[in-house]
Amino acid sequence: MNYKWSLAGWVGIAVILTGCGGESEEEAATESEDGEVVLELFSWRNGETEEFNRINEEFQQEHPNITIDFQPTTAPEYDTALNTQLSTETAADLFFVRPFALGENIYNAGHLEVLDENDIPNIANITESQLGIYQAENEDLYGIPFNYVSYGFLYNEDMFEEFGLEEPETWDEFFEVLEAIENEGVTPLAIGTADDWVVDEIIANGFYSSFVGGEEWREGLIAGEHELTDPEYVDFLENLTNWAPYMPDNMSGIGYIDAMQMFMAENAAIWVTGSWALTDLAGEPIDFTMNMFQAPMAEGEDTRWVSMNGGAAIGINQDSEHVEEAKLFLDWLVSEDAQGLLADLLPGQFPVGDVPVDELEDPVNQKWLEAGGSADENYAVGVGFDVFNSGEPAMSTLHIENIGPLLQGDITPEEAAERMQEGLSSWYEPMQ
């Protein structure tokens, strides 16, 4: 399978926090008189400076002459900022690369160095499925993946114990749990539709696989053998309509941060989110025991499918003056020692290397990673993450335009499915 692993990606290493703006590419990487090299790394993860400082310290144990200048912006601003920098030749030496079509567009524009095992020997530590996310049609590898993420439910374990509840294994049990929480006067689900990316990535891509039979169905959709109007996909949309009564009353005004704060303040029992949320919550003042459960099984299924996405890769600016030093950093990043370090520093942003699950420090991080199966057999890529975002209207746009109204009760599951299928069929040739 040619997949793996959204949003939430990371990496960066910080010693110096500066802006990324007006210097020329000749100034992007600097070399002092004593041979020390500073490489700029542009990122969309702007809340993890402390962790990245630690990573940089470890990297410099092996390469003391190279410093990574971590320059983050916010995720919503990242793509526009990167495109501006690339077009004005002010881009950093290294920068984050989005999974699938968005990353390949940067490669196709001629901005990324092509990489292989001669450049990055530790590529051997990465599975083919993960590498495939950042390979062009000609199989050129244009970014080194360093994490992936998946989707599920974080819950207040203390509240579950107080209410006499257990983790649901089926969707019927899931709604029984929600009803019981509602009866206790607590909002069951912390999730809303104010942030478009939450609607697309978490809600629409994060839980469909439970109903369609996992990755095989998605591959059939890409081949034109399935449609979004198939009964099993409509069943998923019908399931989403049943979430709505258990979401906040003002769901249209609740964004990602609002949902996180509701969960932290114990104003909601369950947070519908992605695994990267474990990093977002690390160090936050939480006064209860937290746990997670994966998407329940649909009727007739015997596998608990887990939807997942590529977190991020790092690519090398083709115009960097220090390509070789950049390759040293990327090779270190996917070494066994570095992957073990990252797995604990950035919980929920799962390592692409073979890190023993039982060695992870955080038990919730360990449990979430185990949900994918010992050989990743339970994973299915989000339905819209791959080829369906390479044309217009993109699947992400179709999700945003239809899933929100579906949850609000403005359209039916059948209408949402028909609208999204019509949008894809207008440009995606295998569906024509």
Protein backbone atom coordinates (compact mmCIF):
# COMPACT_ATOMS: atom_id res chain seq x y z
CA MET A 1 0.00 0.00 0.00
CA ASN A 2 1.24 3.46 -0.87
CA TYR A 3 0.38 5.31 2.29
CA LYS A 4 1.17 6.70 5.63
CA TRP A 5 0.90 8.94 7.98
CA SER A 6 -1.66 14.46 9.50
CA LEU A 7 -1.83 17.40 11.02
CA ALA A 8 -0.11 17.41 13.43
CA GLY A 9 3.33 16.64 12.42
CA TRP A 10 6.45 18.08 13.92
CA VAL A 11 10.01 18.31 13.99
CA GLY A 12 12.23 21.12 14.40
CA ILE A 13 15.11 21.81 16.50
CA ALA A 14 15.58 25.05 18.24
CA VAL A 15 18.48 26.88 19.56
CA ILE A 16 17.63 30.25 18.14
CA LEU A 17 14.11 31.50 17.51
CA THR A 18 14.13 34.10 14.75
CA GLY A 19 11.82 35.18 11.98
CA CYS A 20 11.94 33.73 8.50
CA GLY A 21 11.65 36.60 6.29
CA GLY A 22 13.85 38.71 4.25
CA GLU A 23 17.26 37.12 3.98
CA SER A 24 18.48 35.70 0.70
CA GLU A 25 18.98 31.98 0.23
CA GLU A 26 22.72 32.62 0.31
CA GLU A 27 22.18 33.83 3.90
CA ALA A 28 19.72 31.08 4.87
CA ALA A 29 22.48 28.73 5.93
CA THR A 30 25.49 30.40 7.48
CA GLU A 31 28.99 29.17 8.11
CA SER A 32 31.27 30.83 10.61
CA GLU A 33 35.01 31.19 10.29
CA ASP A 34 35.58 28.20 12.56
CA GLY A 35 33.52 25.95 10.26
CA GLU A 36 30.28 25.90 12.24
CA VAL A 37 27.14 25.69 10.10
CA VAL A 38 23.71 27.01 11.01
CA LEU A 39 20.81 25.44 9.11
CA GLU A 40 17.40 27.06 9.14
CA LEU A 41 14.41 24.75 9.60
CA PHE A 42 10.93 26.13 8.84
CA SER A 43 8.06 24.39 10.63
CA TRP A 44 4.33 24.58 11.35
CA ARG A 45 4.75 23.34 14.96
CA ASN A 46 5.23 26.48 17.03
CA GLY A 47 4.52 25.11 20.50
CA GLU A 48 7.33 22.63 21.02
CA THR A 49 10.46 24.73 21.37
CA GLU A 50 11.54 23.11 24.62
CA GLU A 51 11.36 19.62 23.12
CA PHE A 52 13.23 20.73 20.04
CA ASN A 53 15.97 22.28 22.11
CA ARG A 54 16.47 18.87 23.70
CA ILE A 55 16.60 17.18 20.30
CA ASN A 56 19.13 19.71 19.06
CA GLU A 57 21.34 19.04 22.07
CA GLU A 58 21.32 15.33 21.31
CA PHE A 59 22.05 15.92 17.61
CA GLN A 60 25.01 18.13 18.47
CA GLN A 61 26.52 15.34 20.56
CA GLU A 62 27.36 13.73 17.22
CA HIS A 63 27.60 16.84 15.04
CA PRO A 64 28.84 19.71 17.22
CA ASN A 65 29.59 21.92 14.21
CA ILE A 66 25.94 22.01 13.00
CA THR A 67 23.19 24.03 14.67
CA ILE A 68 19.56 23.86 13.64
CA ASP A 69 17.83 27.24 13.73
CA PHE A 70 14.19 26.29 14.30
CA GLN A 71 11.82 28.87 12.78
CA PRO A 72 8.16 27.97 13.35
CA THR A 73 4.94 29.59 12.31
CA THR A 74 1.36 28.48 12.91
CA ALA A 75 -0.10 25.57 10.95
CA PRO A 76 -2.80 27.65 9.18
CA GLU A 77 -0.19 30.17 8.00
CA TYR A 78 2.48 27.68 7.01
CA ASP A 79 1.59 26.81 3.40
CA THR A 80 1.17 30.41 2.30
CA ALA A 81 4.37 31.47 4.05
CA LEU A 82 6.38 28.60 2.55
CA ASN A 83 5.13 29.27 -0.98
CA THR A 84 6.02 32.95 -0.61
CA GLN A 85 9.52 32.11 0.61
CA LEU A 86 10.10 29.63 -2.19
CA SER A 87 8.90 32.05 -4.86
CA THR A 88 11.09 34.86 -3.50
CA GLU A 89 14.13 32.61 -2.91
CA THR A 90 14.13 33.28 0.84
CA ALA A 91 13.22 29.77 1.99
CA ALA A 92 15.04 27.91 4.75
CA ASP A 93 17.54 25.11 4.16
CA LEU A 94 15.12 22.56 5.60
CA PHE A 95 11.35 22.75 5.81
CA PHE A 96 8.37 20.65 6.76
CA VAL A 97 6.66 18.79 3.93
CA ARG A 98 2.96 17.94 3.97
CA PRO A 99 1.89 14.35 3.25
CA PHE A 100 0.62 13.18 -0.14
CA ALA A 101 -0.43 15.66 -2.86
CA LEU A 102 0.45 18.89 -1.04
CA GLY A 103 4.05 17.77 -0.56
CA GLU A 104 4.35 16.41 -4.08
CA ASN A 105 3.28 19.77 -5.47
CA ILE A 106 6.37 21.35 -3.86
CA TYR A 107 8.56 18.62 -5.38
CA ASN A 108 6.99 19.06 -8.81
CA ALA A 109 7.80 22.78 -8.65
CA GLY A 110 11.50 21.90 -8.37
CA HIS A 111 12.13 23.01 -4.79
CA LEU A 112 13.12 19.75 -3.08
CA GLU A 113 16.33 17.74 -3.13
CA VAL A 114 15.86 14.10 -4.17
CA LEU A 115 17.05 11.69 -1.46
CA ASP A 116 18.08 8.03 -1.34
CA GLU A 117 19.95 5.55 0.86
CA ASN A 118 23.29 6.80 -0.41
CA ASP A 119 22.44 10.18 1.12
CA ILE A 120 20.46 8.93 4.12
CA PRO A 121 21.57 5.41 5.11
CA ASN A 122 19.03 5.28 7.94
CA ILE A 123 16.23 5.30 5.37
CA ALA A 124 16.55 1.55 5.86
CA ASN A 125 14.84 2.01 9.25
CA ILE A 126 11.64 3.35 7.61
CA THR A 127 8.93 1.10 6.18
CA GLU A 128 8.11 1.28 2.49
CA SER A 129 4.54 2.28 3.24
CA GLN A 130 5.70 5.37 5.10
CA LEU A 131 8.26 6.30 2.48
CA GLY A 132 5.57 6.00 -0.18
CA ILE A 133 3.74 9.04 1.16
CA TYR A 134 6.64 11.25 0.11
CA GLN A 135 7.54 9.61 -3.20
CA ALA A 136 6.64 11.14 -6.53
CA GLU A 137 5.09 9.17 -9.39
CA ASN A 138 8.62 8.48 -10.66
CA GLU A 139 9.43 7.11 -7.15
CA ASP A 140 11.78 9.98 -6.27
CA LEU A 141 11.86 10.45 -2.50
CA TYR A 142 11.60 14.17 -1.72
CA GLY A 143 11.16 14.17 2.06
CA ILE A 144 12.21 12.07 5.04
CA PRO A 145 9.16 11.06 7.11
CA PHE A 146 9.67 11.26 10.82
CA ASN A 147 6.24 10.70 12.38
CA TYR A 148 2.65 9.71 11.75
CA VAL A 149 -0.63 10.21 13.61
CA SER A 150 -3.98 8.49 14.06
CA TYR A 151 -7.43 9.34 15.40
CA GLY A 152 -9.45 8.29 18.41
CA PHE A 153 -11.01 9.40 21.68
CA LEU A 154 -9.36 10.73 24.83
CA TYR A 155 -11.54 10.35 27.88
CA ASN A 156 -11.73 11.28 31.55
CA GLU A 157 -11.14 7.95 33.27
CA ASP A 158 -12.18 9.30 36.68
CA MET A 159 -15.50 10.39 35.26
CA PHE A 160 -16.05 7.02 33.59
CA GLU A 161 -15.43 5.27 36.92
CA GLU A 162 -17.76 7.63 38.77
CA PHE A 163 -20.54 7.00 36.24
CA GLY A 164 -19.90 3.24 36.10
CA LEU A 165 -18.87 3.27 32.44
CA GLU A 166 -16.46 1.13 30.42
CA GLU A 167 -14.72 1.78 27.13
CA PRO A 168 -17.12 1.00 24.26
CA GLU A 169 -16.14 -1.68 21.77
CA THR A 170 -19.04 -1.23 19.34
CA TRP A 171 -20.80 1.88 18.08
CA ASP A 172 -23.99 0.81 19.85
CA GLU A 173 -22.05 0.74 23.11
CA PHE A 174 -20.50 4.11 22.20
CA PHE A 175 -23.90 5.79 22.05
CA GLU A 176 -24.99 4.07 25.25
CA VAL A 177 -21.95 5.63 26.94
CA LEU A 178 -22.77 9.06 25.50
CA GLU A 179 -26.36 8.82 26.70
CA ALA A 180 -25.23 7.86 30.21
CA ILE A 181 -22.84 10.84 30.34
CA GLU A 182 -25.58 13.15 29.07
CA ASN A 183 -27.86 11.91 31.84
CA GLU A 184 -25.23 12.93 34.39
CA GLY A 185 -25.41 16.52 33.16
CA VAL A 186 -22.00 16.50 31.44
CA THR A 187 -21.36 17.24 27.76
CA PRO A 188 -20.30 13.88 26.30
CA LEU A 189 -18.19 14.96 23.30
CA ALA A 190 -15.70 17.83 23.10
CA ILE A 191 -15.69 18.54 19.36
CA GLY A 192 -17.05 21.32 17.16
CA THR A 193 -17.11 22.61 13.60
CA ALA A 194 -15.60 26.10 13.98
CA ASP A 195 -12.22 24.97 12.56
CA ASP A 196 -12.46 23.70 8.99
CA TRP A 197 -9.42 21.48 9.43
CA VAL A 198 -11.08 19.71 12.38
CA VAL A 199 -14.15 18.97 10.27
CA ASP A 200 -12.00 17.62 7.46
CA GLU A 201 -9.14 15.87 9.21
CA ILE A 202 -10.58 14.62 12.49
CA ILE A 203 -14.30 14.12 11.89
CA ALA A 204 -14.49 13.21 8.19
CA ASN A 205 -11.20 11.36 7.77
CA GLY A 206 -10.76 10.04 11.28
CA PHE A 207 -13.61 7.54 11.67
CA TYR A 208 -14.97 6.43 8.28
CA SER A 209 -12.81 3.29 8.15
CA SER A 210 -14.85 1.56 10.86
CA PHE A 211 -17.80 1.30 8.46
CA VAL A 212 -16.26 0.49 5.09
CA GLY A 213 -13.90 -2.36 5.94
CA GLY A 214 -10.67 -0.41 6.23
CA GLU A 215 -7.87 0.18 3.75
CA GLU A 216 -9.11 -2.18 1.05
CA TRP A 217 -12.25 -0.10 0.51
CA ARG A 218 -10.22 3.12 0.28
CA GLU A 219 -7.96 1.57 -2.34
CA GLY A 220 -11.05 0.49 -4.25
CA LEU A 221 -12.35 4.06 -4.09
CA ILE A 222 -9.09 5.31 -5.61
CA ALA A 223 -9.41 2.70 -8.36
CA GLY A 224 -12.96 3.83 -9.14
CA GLU A 225 -14.45 0.54 -7.89
CA HIS A 226 -16.32 2.24 -5.02
CA GLU A 227 -18.18 5.51 -4.63
CA LEU A 228 -19.02 7.76 -1.72
CA THR A 229 -22.66 6.86 -2.29
CA ASP A 230 -21.94 3.21 -1.39
CA PRO A 231 -24.23 2.09 1.47
CA GLU A 232 -21.31 1.47 3.84
CA TYR A 233 -20.03 5.05 3.47
CA VAL A 234 -23.53 6.45 3.86
CA ASP A 235 -23.73 4.40 7.07
CA PHE A 236 -20.70 6.32 8.32
CA LEU A 237 -22.38 9.64 7.52
CA GLU A 238 -25.54 8.45 9.28
CA ASN A 239 -23.42 7.59 12.31
CA LEU A 240 -22.05 11.15 12.40
CA THR A 241 -25.57 12.59 12.57
CA ASN A 242 -26.00 10.59 15.78
CA TRP A 243 -23.01 12.40 17.31
CA ALA A 244 -24.68 15.79 17.05
CA PRO A 245 -27.00 15.59 20.11
CA TYR A 246 -23.99 14.81 22.28
CA MET A 247 -21.79 17.62 20.99
CA PRO A 248 -21.77 21.11 22.57
CA ASP A 249 -24.93 23.11 21.94
CA ASN A 250 -22.85 25.78 20.21
CA MET A 251 -20.86 23.28 18.13
CA SER A 252 -20.44 25.76 15.27
CA GLY A 253 -18.49 28.03 17.63
CA ILE A 254 -16.22 25.34 19.08
CA GLY A 255 -12.74 24.98 17.58
CA TYR A 256 -9.84 22.66 18.38
CA ILE A 257 -8.48 24.74 21.28
CA ASP A 258 -11.98 25.25 22.70
CA ALA A 259 -12.56 21.48 22.68
CA MET A 260 -9.22 20.85 24.36
CA GLN A 261 -10.03 23.40 27.06
CA MET A 262 -13.49 21.87 27.62
CA PHE A 263 -11.87 18.49 28.14
CA MET A 264 -9.13 19.83 30.43
CA ALA A 265 -11.69 21.71 32.55
CA GLU A 266 -13.81 18.55 32.88
CA ASN A 267 -16.70 20.23 31.07
CA ALA A 268 -16.76 17.33 28.63
CA ALA A 269 -16.02 13.66 29.24
CA ILE A 270 -14.54 12.67 25.86
CA TRP A 271 -12.36 14.61 23.43
CA VAL A 272 -12.61 13.54 19.78
CA THR A 273 -9.12 14.20 18.48
CA GLY A 274 -5.88 12.99 16.94
CA SER A 275 -2.99 11.29 18.68
CA TRP A 276 -0.85 14.45 18.52
CA ALA A 277 -3.15 15.82 21.24
CA LEU A 278 -0.98 13.92 23.72
CA THR A 279 1.85 16.32 22.89
CA ASP A 280 -0.51 19.30 23.13
CA LEU A 281 -1.60 18.19 26.61
CA ALA A 282 1.88 17.33 27.89
CA GLY A 283 2.69 19.59 30.81
CA GLU A 284 -0.83 21.04 31.01
CA PRO A 285 -2.51 21.15 34.44
CA ILE A 286 -4.91 18.20 34.26
CA ASP A 287 -6.49 17.08 37.54
CA PHE A 288 -7.84 13.73 36.40
CA THR A 289 -6.62 10.44 34.97
CA MET A 290 -6.71 10.42 31.20
CA ASN A 291 -7.08 7.41 28.91
CA MET A 292 -8.01 6.69 25.30
CA PHE A 293 -10.07 4.30 23.21
CA GLN A 294 -9.97 3.73 19.47
CA ALA A 295 -12.89 3.88 17.07
CA PRO A 296 -15.45 1.19 17.94
CA MET A 297 -16.41 -1.60 15.55
CA ALA A 298 -19.35 -1.29 13.21
CA GLU A 299 -21.98 -4.01 12.94
CA GLY A 300 -20.65 -6.93 10.92
CA GLU A 301 -17.00 -5.91 11.28
CA ASP A 302 -14.42 -8.03 13.10
CA THR A 303 -11.58 -5.47 13.03
CA ARG A 304 -11.30 -2.21 14.96
CA TRP A 305 -9.97 -0.06 12.15
CA VAL A 306 -7.85 2.98 12.98
CA SER A 307 -7.75 5.88 10.55
CA MET A 308 -4.35 7.49 10.25
CA ASN A 309 -2.33 10.06 8.31
CA GLY A 310 1.27 11.00 7.62
CA GLY A 311 2.36 13.54 10.19
CA ALA A 312 5.11 15.32 8.29
CA ALA A 313 8.40 14.90 6.52
CA ILE A 314 11.37 17.22 6.32
CA GLY A 315 12.71 18.16 2.92
CA ILE A 316 15.90 19.88 1.83
CA ASN A 317 15.69 23.10 -0.14
CA GLN A 318 17.32 22.37 -3.47
CA ASP A 319 18.97 25.79 -3.36
CA SER A 320 20.53 25.39 0.07
CA GLU A 321 24.27 25.98 0.27
CA HIS A 322 24.61 23.23 2.89
CA VAL A 323 22.81 20.25 1.42
CA GLU A 324 25.34 17.76 2.80
CA GLU A 325 24.98 19.05 6.35
CA ALA A 326 21.20 18.92 5.96
CA LYS A 327 21.48 15.28 4.93
CA LEU A 328 23.48 14.53 8.08
CA PHE A 329 20.67 15.94 10.18
CA LEU A 330 17.95 13.98 8.39
CA ASP A 331 19.96 10.77 8.66
CA TRP A 332 20.38 11.30 12.40
CA LEU A 333 16.69 12.08 12.76
CA VAL A 334 15.65 8.61 11.62
CA SER A 335 18.36 6.75 13.50
CA GLU A 336 17.21 4.26 16.14
CA ASP A 337 18.43 6.41 19.04
CA ALA A 338 16.75 9.56 17.75
CA GLN A 339 13.48 7.77 17.05
CA GLY A 340 13.38 6.43 20.60
CA LEU A 341 13.99 9.92 21.95
CA LEU A 342 11.29 11.46 19.78
CA ALA A 343 8.71 8.85 20.73
CA ASP A 344 8.77 10.03 24.35
CA LEU A 345 9.42 13.74 23.78
CA LEU A 346 6.48 14.07 21.37
CA PRO A 347 3.82 11.57 22.47
CA GLY A 348 1.14 10.76 19.92
CA GLN A 349 3.45 11.74 17.07
CA PHE A 350 4.47 8.20 16.38
CA PRO A 351 8.01 7.32 15.26
CA VAL A 352 8.59 5.98 11.77
CA GLY A 353 11.35 3.70 13.03
CA ASP A 354 10.90 0.38 14.78
CA VAL A 355 10.65 1.59 18.39
CA PRO A 356 9.48 -1.13 20.83
CA VAL A 357 6.05 -0.08 22.04
CA ASP A 358 6.66 -1.36 25.56
CA GLU A 359 9.57 1.06 25.91
CA LEU A 360 7.38 4.15 25.60
CA GLU A 361 7.10 6.07 28.87
CA ASP A 362 3.49 7.28 28.56
CA PRO A 363 0.98 4.42 28.88
CA VAL A 364 -1.68 6.32 26.89
CA ASN A 365 0.85 6.95 24.11
CA GLN A 366 1.68 3.25 24.19
CA LYS A 367 -1.97 2.20 24.05
CA TRP A 368 -2.74 4.53 21.15
CA LEU A 369 0.20 3.24 19.14
CA GLU A 370 -0.74 -0.38 19.87
CA ALA A 371 -4.22 0.24 18.43
CA GLY A 372 -2.73 0.13 14.93
CA GLY A 373 -1.72 -3.51 15.38
CA SER A 374 1.67 -5.15 15.77
CA ALA A 375 2.27 -4.93 12.01
CA ASP A 376 0.10 -1.85 11.34
CA GLU A 377 -2.63 -4.16 10.07
CA ASN A 378 -5.45 -2.12 11.62
CA TYR A 379 -4.56 1.13 9.89
CA ALA A 380 -6.48 2.74 7.05
CA VAL A 381 -5.45 6.08 5.57
CA GLY A 382 -8.02 8.86 5.88
CA VAL A 383 -10.34 8.76 2.87
CA GLY A 384 -9.36 12.22 1.61
CA PHE A 385 -5.65 12.39 2.37
CA ASP A 386 -4.21 10.93 -0.81
CA VAL A 387 -5.15 11.53 -4.45
CA PHE A 388 -8.51 13.13 -3.72
CA ASN A 389 -6.83 16.36 -2.63
CA SER A 390 -4.94 16.73 -5.91
CA GLY A 391 -7.79 18.27 -7.93
CA GLU A 392 -10.65 20.72 -7.57
CA PRO A 393 -12.90 20.50 -5.72
CA ALA A 394 -10.54 18.76 -3.32
CA MET A 395 -11.92 16.20 -0.91
CA SER A 396 -11.00 18.50 1.97
CA THR A 397 -13.22 21.22 0.47
CA LEU A 398 -16.06 18.75 -0.05
CA HIS A 399 -15.77 17.60 3.56
CA ILE A 400 -15.90 21.15 4.88
CA GLU A 401 -18.86 22.07 2.69
CA ASN A 402 -20.91 19.00 3.62
CA ILE A 403 -19.97 17.50 7.00
CA GLY A 404 -20.71 20.67 8.96
CA PRO A 405 -24.21 21.04 7.46
CA LEU A 406 -24.74 17.31 8.00
CA LEU A 407 -24.02 17.65 11.72
CA GLN A 408 -26.26 20.71 11.92
CA GLY A 409 -29.12 18.71 10.37
CA ASP A 410 -29.29 20.88 7.25
CA ILE A 411 -28.68 18.00 4.81
CA THR A 412 -29.16 14.23 4.97
CA PRO A 413 -26.40 11.61 4.82
CA GLU A 414 -27.58 10.66 1.31
CA GLU A 415 -27.43 14.28 0.15
CA ALA A 416 -23.94 14.74 1.61
CA ALA A 417 -22.71 11.56 -0.09
CA GLU A 418 -24.19 12.55 -3.44
CA ARG A 419 -22.71 16.05 -3.31
CA MET A 420 -19.22 14.79 -2.43
CA GLN A 421 -19.34 12.05 -5.06
CA GLU A 422 -20.46 14.54 -7.69
CA GLY A 423 -17.60 16.85 -6.77
CA LEU A 424 -14.95 14.13 -7.10
CA SER A 425 -16.48 12.73 -10.30
CA SER A 426 -16.22 16.15 -11.94
CA TRP A 427 -12.43 15.82 -12.17
CA TYR A 428 -11.23 12.42 -10.95
CA GLU A 429 -10.92 10.30 -14.07
CA PRO A 430 -11.37 6.78 -12.58
CA MET A 431 -14.80 7.90 -11.33
CA GLN A 432 -15.95 9.19 -14.72
